[in-house]
């Protein structure tokens, strides 16, 4: 039986970590537990659950900055940003269902601690590139802060980059600040149908190396495409290779047309609308000519 600490504020986090350090007791660190499937199971008699540290503490859309407590659900943050037509540009995915947890269970602190990013990483960078500042507790039970609330911050060492991807082994995040970005005016996806794995790899390589600023690329072999929740993809009858383009409407239309002209698919490419919803899942809708 694991004893779990459930702090409701940063001071209680300091107390719990200081006790564990004094007693030489290891602590399993969890935000909302959606990523427990990463790596080997932690062997610890005590755990600390940071889900009680929840809530957005600052959001300034004009300044493109948002601060929240580390246990704030990612879904809450994405919904708040969507209301202002903004987004987390690094596109964190909802990996809970893949790792045995429920959908929509991830926290902003867990995303940053694991440095998780989605397909747009090739264009927008990783989570650490949007991590502006944090308040945290070290393994000795000492509270500290790093970074700030502005994009051009040069105060001290950039510890945020170190904490991102440390999986809670260096410090426990209690509050975080991230840079947000405007959502694209239009998003479209060009689907290349019927490519084998070698052809799909070549097509994606050409697209990603082109000047068309592809923001996401994926290849679904036929068995995977057949299980898609998107009816058009599932009914394609073969493999599907997707190339996503985002930005101003005329630019997107031009770049999608260019990608379709340079196709290597045995079938005519199809252009789809891509509508983002919460948890960085996506719904594809066919665009009528």
Protein backbone atom coordinates (compact mmCIF):
# COMPACT_ATOMS: atom_id res chain seq x y z
CA UNK A 1 0.00 0.00 0.00
CA UNK A 2 1.45 3.34 -1.06
CA UNK A 3 0.83 6.36 1.15
CA UNK A 4 -0.04 9.38 -0.98
CA UNK A 5 0.44 13.03 -0.07
CA UNK A 6 -2.10 15.34 -1.72
CA UNK A 7 -0.91 18.92 -1.15
CA UNK A 8 -3.23 21.80 -1.88
CA UNK A 9 -0.57 24.51 -2.09
CA UNK A 10 3.15 24.97 -2.63
CA UNK A 11 3.91 25.17 1.11
CA UNK A 12 2.50 21.70 1.63
CA UNK A 13 4.65 20.42 -1.22
CA UNK A 14 7.72 21.83 0.53
CA UNK A 15 6.71 20.10 3.77
CA UNK A 16 6.16 16.74 2.08
CA UNK A 17 9.45 16.80 0.20
CA UNK A 18 11.39 18.03 3.24
CA UNK A 19 9.96 15.16 5.30
CA UNK A 20 10.85 12.61 2.60
CA UNK A 21 14.40 13.99 2.39
CA UNK A 22 14.85 13.93 6.16
CA UNK A 23 13.56 10.34 6.38
CA UNK A 24 15.45 9.22 3.24
CA UNK A 25 12.15 8.07 1.72
CA UNK A 26 11.77 8.09 -2.09
CA UNK A 27 8.67 9.79 -3.48
CA UNK A 28 6.78 8.93 -6.62
CA UNK A 29 5.83 12.23 -8.28
CA UNK A 30 2.54 12.42 -10.18
CA UNK A 31 0.46 15.23 -11.61
CA UNK A 32 -2.72 13.41 -12.62
CA UNK A 33 -1.15 10.01 -13.27
CA UNK A 34 -1.78 9.91 -17.02
CA UNK A 35 1.86 9.11 -17.83
CA UNK A 36 2.59 6.39 -15.28
CA UNK A 37 3.08 4.04 -18.20
CA UNK A 38 6.35 5.79 -19.13
CA UNK A 39 9.45 3.79 -18.26
CA UNK A 40 9.69 1.32 -15.42
CA UNK A 41 7.27 1.39 -12.48
CA UNK A 42 8.49 3.51 -9.57
CA UNK A 43 9.22 1.52 -6.42
CA UNK A 44 8.36 3.87 -3.57
CA UNK A 45 6.32 3.53 -0.40
CA UNK A 46 5.17 7.14 -0.69
CA UNK A 47 3.77 9.22 -3.52
CA UNK A 48 2.91 12.87 -3.96
CA UNK A 49 -0.15 13.76 -6.02
CA UNK A 50 -0.01 17.32 -7.39
CA UNK A 51 -3.50 17.35 -8.91
CA UNK A 52 -4.67 19.61 -6.07
CA UNK A 53 -2.46 22.39 -7.41
CA UNK A 54 -4.91 23.41 -10.10
CA UNK A 55 -6.10 26.57 -11.78
CA UNK A 56 -4.99 29.22 -14.25
CA UNK A 57 -3.41 32.08 -12.32
CA UNK A 58 -2.64 34.51 -15.15
CA UNK A 59 -3.64 34.75 -18.79
CA UNK A 60 -2.83 37.76 -20.94
CA UNK A 61 -3.83 37.01 -24.54
CA UNK A 62 -2.31 40.26 -25.81
CA UNK A 63 1.05 39.35 -24.27
CA UNK A 64 0.84 35.70 -25.40
CA UNK A 65 1.54 34.37 -21.92
CA UNK A 66 -0.28 32.03 -19.54
CA UNK A 67 0.54 30.93 -15.99
CA UNK A 68 -1.10 28.02 -14.18
CA UNK A 69 -0.55 25.69 -11.26
CA UNK A 70 1.22 22.53 -12.31
CA UNK A 71 -1.74 20.21 -11.74
CA UNK A 72 -4.11 22.19 -13.98
CA UNK A 73 -5.75 19.87 -16.53
CA UNK A 74 -4.42 20.37 -20.02
CA UNK A 75 -7.99 20.27 -21.31
CA UNK A 76 -8.87 23.33 -19.20
CA UNK A 77 -5.91 25.26 -20.57
CA UNK A 78 -6.64 24.34 -24.18
CA UNK A 79 -10.30 25.33 -23.80
CA UNK A 80 -9.32 28.70 -22.32
CA UNK A 81 -6.90 29.35 -25.15
CA UNK A 82 -9.36 28.23 -27.82
CA UNK A 83 -11.86 30.83 -26.59
CA UNK A 84 -9.28 33.48 -27.58
CA UNK A 85 -8.26 31.66 -30.78
CA UNK A 86 -4.87 30.83 -29.30
CA UNK A 87 -3.05 27.55 -28.70
CA UNK A 88 -0.05 25.78 -27.25
CA UNK A 89 2.03 25.79 -30.41
CA UNK A 90 4.02 22.70 -29.40
CA UNK A 91 0.77 20.72 -29.62
CA UNK A 92 0.92 18.35 -26.63
CA UNK A 93 -0.93 15.12 -27.27
CA UNK A 94 -3.32 13.24 -25.03
CA UNK A 95 -1.38 10.03 -24.41
CA UNK A 96 -3.54 8.79 -21.55
CA UNK A 97 -5.52 6.24 -23.60
CA UNK A 98 -2.28 4.84 -25.04
CA UNK A 99 -0.79 4.37 -21.58
CA UNK A 100 -3.76 2.82 -19.83
CA UNK A 101 -5.27 6.02 -18.39
CA UNK A 102 -8.44 7.84 -19.36
CA UNK A 103 -8.67 10.54 -22.00
CA UNK A 104 -8.20 14.15 -20.94
CA UNK A 105 -6.34 13.32 -17.73
CA UNK A 106 -3.02 15.05 -18.43
CA UNK A 107 -1.78 18.17 -16.63
CA UNK A 108 0.28 21.11 -17.86
CA UNK A 109 3.00 20.32 -15.32
CA UNK A 110 3.23 16.73 -16.54
CA UNK A 111 3.50 17.86 -20.16
CA UNK A 112 6.39 20.19 -19.33
CA UNK A 113 8.11 17.77 -16.97
CA UNK A 114 8.09 15.16 -19.77
CA UNK A 115 8.82 17.73 -22.51
CA UNK A 116 5.99 16.34 -24.60
CA UNK A 117 5.22 17.82 -27.99
CA UNK A 118 3.12 16.76 -30.95
CA UNK A 119 3.52 16.77 -34.74
CA UNK A 120 4.03 20.54 -34.87
CA UNK A 121 7.35 20.19 -33.05
CA UNK A 122 9.12 20.12 -36.43
CA UNK A 123 7.92 23.70 -36.99
CA UNK A 124 7.24 25.22 -33.57
CA UNK A 125 9.78 23.44 -31.36
CA UNK A 126 9.47 21.30 -28.25
CA UNK A 127 7.62 22.07 -25.03
CA UNK A 128 10.84 23.39 -23.46
CA UNK A 129 11.01 26.07 -26.16
CA UNK A 130 7.74 27.54 -24.87
CA UNK A 131 8.48 27.11 -21.15
CA UNK A 132 9.08 30.61 -19.80
CA UNK A 133 9.15 30.24 -16.03
CA UNK A 134 8.39 28.05 -13.05
CA UNK A 135 8.13 27.77 -9.32
CA UNK A 136 9.35 24.43 -8.03
CA UNK A 137 10.59 22.48 -5.03
CA UNK A 138 14.00 20.82 -5.05
CA UNK A 139 14.75 17.35 -3.70
CA UNK A 140 15.95 18.96 -0.46
CA UNK A 141 12.58 20.59 0.12
CA UNK A 142 13.70 24.05 -0.97
CA UNK A 143 11.29 26.25 -2.94
CA UNK A 144 12.79 28.19 -5.83
CA UNK A 145 11.74 29.98 -8.98
CA UNK A 146 13.32 30.33 -12.40
CA UNK A 147 12.58 32.19 -15.60
CA UNK A 148 9.82 34.76 -15.74
CA UNK A 149 6.65 35.88 -17.50
CA UNK A 150 8.17 37.47 -20.58
CA UNK A 151 9.42 35.82 -23.75
CA UNK A 152 12.76 37.67 -23.76
CA UNK A 153 13.91 36.70 -20.30
CA UNK A 154 17.63 36.71 -19.49
CA UNK A 155 17.53 36.51 -15.71
CA UNK A 156 19.95 33.92 -14.34
CA UNK A 157 20.36 30.38 -15.63
CA UNK A 158 17.63 29.03 -17.88
CA UNK A 159 16.65 26.23 -15.52
CA UNK A 160 13.32 25.74 -17.29
CA UNK A 161 15.16 24.03 -20.14
CA UNK A 162 16.78 21.69 -17.61
CA UNK A 163 13.52 20.86 -15.80
CA UNK A 164 11.68 20.15 -19.05
CA UNK A 165 12.18 16.48 -19.76
CA UNK A 166 13.50 15.64 -16.27
CA UNK A 167 10.30 13.67 -15.43
CA UNK A 168 10.17 15.16 -11.93
CA UNK A 169 13.57 13.78 -10.92
CA UNK A 170 15.21 17.19 -10.45
CA UNK A 171 12.34 19.17 -8.91
CA UNK A 172 8.58 19.20 -8.40
CA UNK A 173 6.88 21.88 -10.47
CA UNK A 174 4.22 23.81 -8.58
CA UNK A 175 3.54 26.74 -10.95
CA UNK A 176 4.46 27.15 -14.61
CA UNK A 177 4.37 29.91 -17.21
CA UNK A 178 4.23 29.18 -20.94
CA UNK A 179 4.25 31.14 -24.16
CA UNK A 180 1.07 30.76 -26.22
CA UNK A 181 0.52 31.54 -29.88
CA UNK A 182 -2.40 32.55 -32.12
CA UNK A 183 -4.22 29.63 -33.70
CA UNK A 184 -3.81 29.38 -37.48
CA UNK A 185 -6.44 31.05 -39.63
CA UNK A 186 -6.84 27.92 -41.73
CA UNK A 187 -5.63 24.32 -41.48
CA UNK A 188 -5.73 21.82 -44.31
CA UNK A 189 -4.37 18.31 -44.81
CA UNK A 190 -3.37 16.76 -48.11
CA UNK A 191 -3.87 12.99 -48.15
CA UNK A 192 -1.79 10.80 -50.44
CA UNK A 193 -3.53 7.46 -50.91
CA UNK A 194 -2.06 4.05 -51.59
CA UNK A 195 1.64 4.67 -50.93
CA UNK A 196 3.73 1.85 -49.52
CA UNK A 197 6.07 2.54 -46.58
CA UNK A 198 9.05 3.40 -48.79
CA UNK A 199 7.04 5.70 -51.03
CA UNK A 200 5.39 7.39 -48.06
CA UNK A 201 8.74 8.07 -46.44
CA UNK A 202 10.03 9.61 -49.65
CA UNK A 203 6.89 11.74 -50.07
CA UNK A 204 7.03 13.03 -46.49
CA UNK A 205 10.74 13.76 -46.81
CA UNK A 206 10.19 15.82 -49.96
CA UNK A 207 7.29 17.71 -48.37
CA UNK A 208 9.13 18.46 -45.14
CA UNK A 209 12.22 19.62 -47.02
CA UNK A 210 10.19 21.86 -49.31
CA UNK A 211 9.34 25.53 -48.80
CA UNK A 212 5.68 24.71 -48.09
CA UNK A 213 6.07 24.75 -44.27
CA UNK A 214 4.37 21.45 -43.56
CA UNK A 215 3.43 21.45 -39.87
CA UNK A 216 2.75 17.75 -39.50
CA UNK A 217 3.28 14.55 -41.47
CA UNK A 218 2.14 11.00 -40.80
CA UNK A 219 1.83 7.68 -42.62
CA UNK A 220 -0.92 5.22 -41.76
CA UNK A 221 -0.37 1.73 -43.22
CA UNK A 222 -3.53 0.11 -44.50
CA UNK A 223 -4.36 -1.86 -41.29
CA UNK A 224 -3.94 1.30 -39.19
CA UNK A 225 -5.91 3.51 -41.58
CA UNK A 226 -8.76 0.98 -41.56
CA UNK A 227 -9.13 1.46 -37.78
CA UNK A 228 -9.28 5.26 -38.00
CA UNK A 229 -12.21 7.06 -36.43
CA UNK A 230 -12.29 9.30 -39.50
CA UNK A 231 -14.67 7.64 -41.94
CA UNK A 232 -12.95 8.88 -45.09
CA UNK A 233 -9.57 7.55 -43.93
CA UNK A 234 -11.04 4.25 -42.75
CA UNK A 235 -12.80 3.74 -46.08
CA UNK A 236 -9.78 4.67 -48.23
CA UNK A 237 -9.08 0.98 -48.81
CA UNK A 238 -5.34 1.28 -48.33
CA UNK A 239 -2.53 3.26 -46.77
CA UNK A 240 -2.96 6.99 -46.14
CA UNK A 241 -0.16 9.55 -45.91
CA UNK A 242 -1.10 12.94 -44.43
CA UNK A 243 0.64 16.30 -44.89
CA UNK A 244 -0.71 19.20 -42.82
CA UNK A 245 -0.42 22.87 -43.77
CA UNK A 246 -1.42 25.83 -41.57
CA UNK A 247 -1.52 29.62 -41.84
CA UNK A 248 -3.36 32.41 -43.67
CA UNK A 249 -6.07 31.17 -46.01
CA UNK A 250 -4.55 32.13 -49.40
CA UNK A 251 -1.14 30.81 -48.36
CA UNK A 252 -2.59 27.48 -47.24
CA UNK A 253 -4.53 27.10 -50.49
CA UNK A 254 -1.42 27.78 -52.55
CA UNK A 255 0.80 25.39 -50.58
CA UNK A 256 -1.77 22.59 -50.61
CA UNK A 257 -2.11 22.95 -54.37
CA UNK A 258 1.67 22.78 -54.72
CA UNK A 259 1.82 19.62 -52.61
CA UNK A 260 -0.90 18.02 -54.68
CA UNK A 261 0.95 18.80 -57.93
CA UNK A 262 4.11 17.11 -56.67
CA UNK A 263 2.31 13.94 -55.61
CA UNK A 264 3.82 10.48 -55.89
CA UNK A 265 0.61 8.68 -54.98
CA UNK A 266 -0.95 6.26 -57.48
CA UNK A 267 -4.32 7.88 -56.67
CA UNK A 268 -5.46 11.49 -56.84
CA UNK A 269 -4.59 13.32 -53.58
CA UNK A 270 -7.48 14.45 -51.39
CA UNK A 271 -7.52 17.72 -49.46
CA UNK A 272 -9.22 17.71 -46.08
CA UNK A 273 -10.10 20.33 -43.54
CA UNK A 274 -8.45 19.80 -40.16
CA UNK A 275 -10.43 21.05 -37.19
CA UNK A 276 -8.56 20.98 -33.85
CA UNK A 277 -10.47 20.06 -30.70
CA UNK A 278 -9.42 19.60 -27.08
CA UNK A 279 -6.60 17.30 -26.03
CA UNK A 280 -4.88 17.86 -29.40
CA UNK A 281 -7.04 15.23 -31.04
CA UNK A 282 -8.27 16.03 -34.55
CA UNK A 283 -11.37 15.58 -36.63
CA UNK A 284 -10.97 15.43 -40.42
CA UNK A 285 -13.72 16.68 -42.67
CA UNK A 286 -13.70 16.37 -46.46
CA UNK A 287 -13.56 19.66 -48.33
CA UNK A 288 -16.01 19.76 -51.21
CA UNK A 289 -14.64 21.19 -54.50
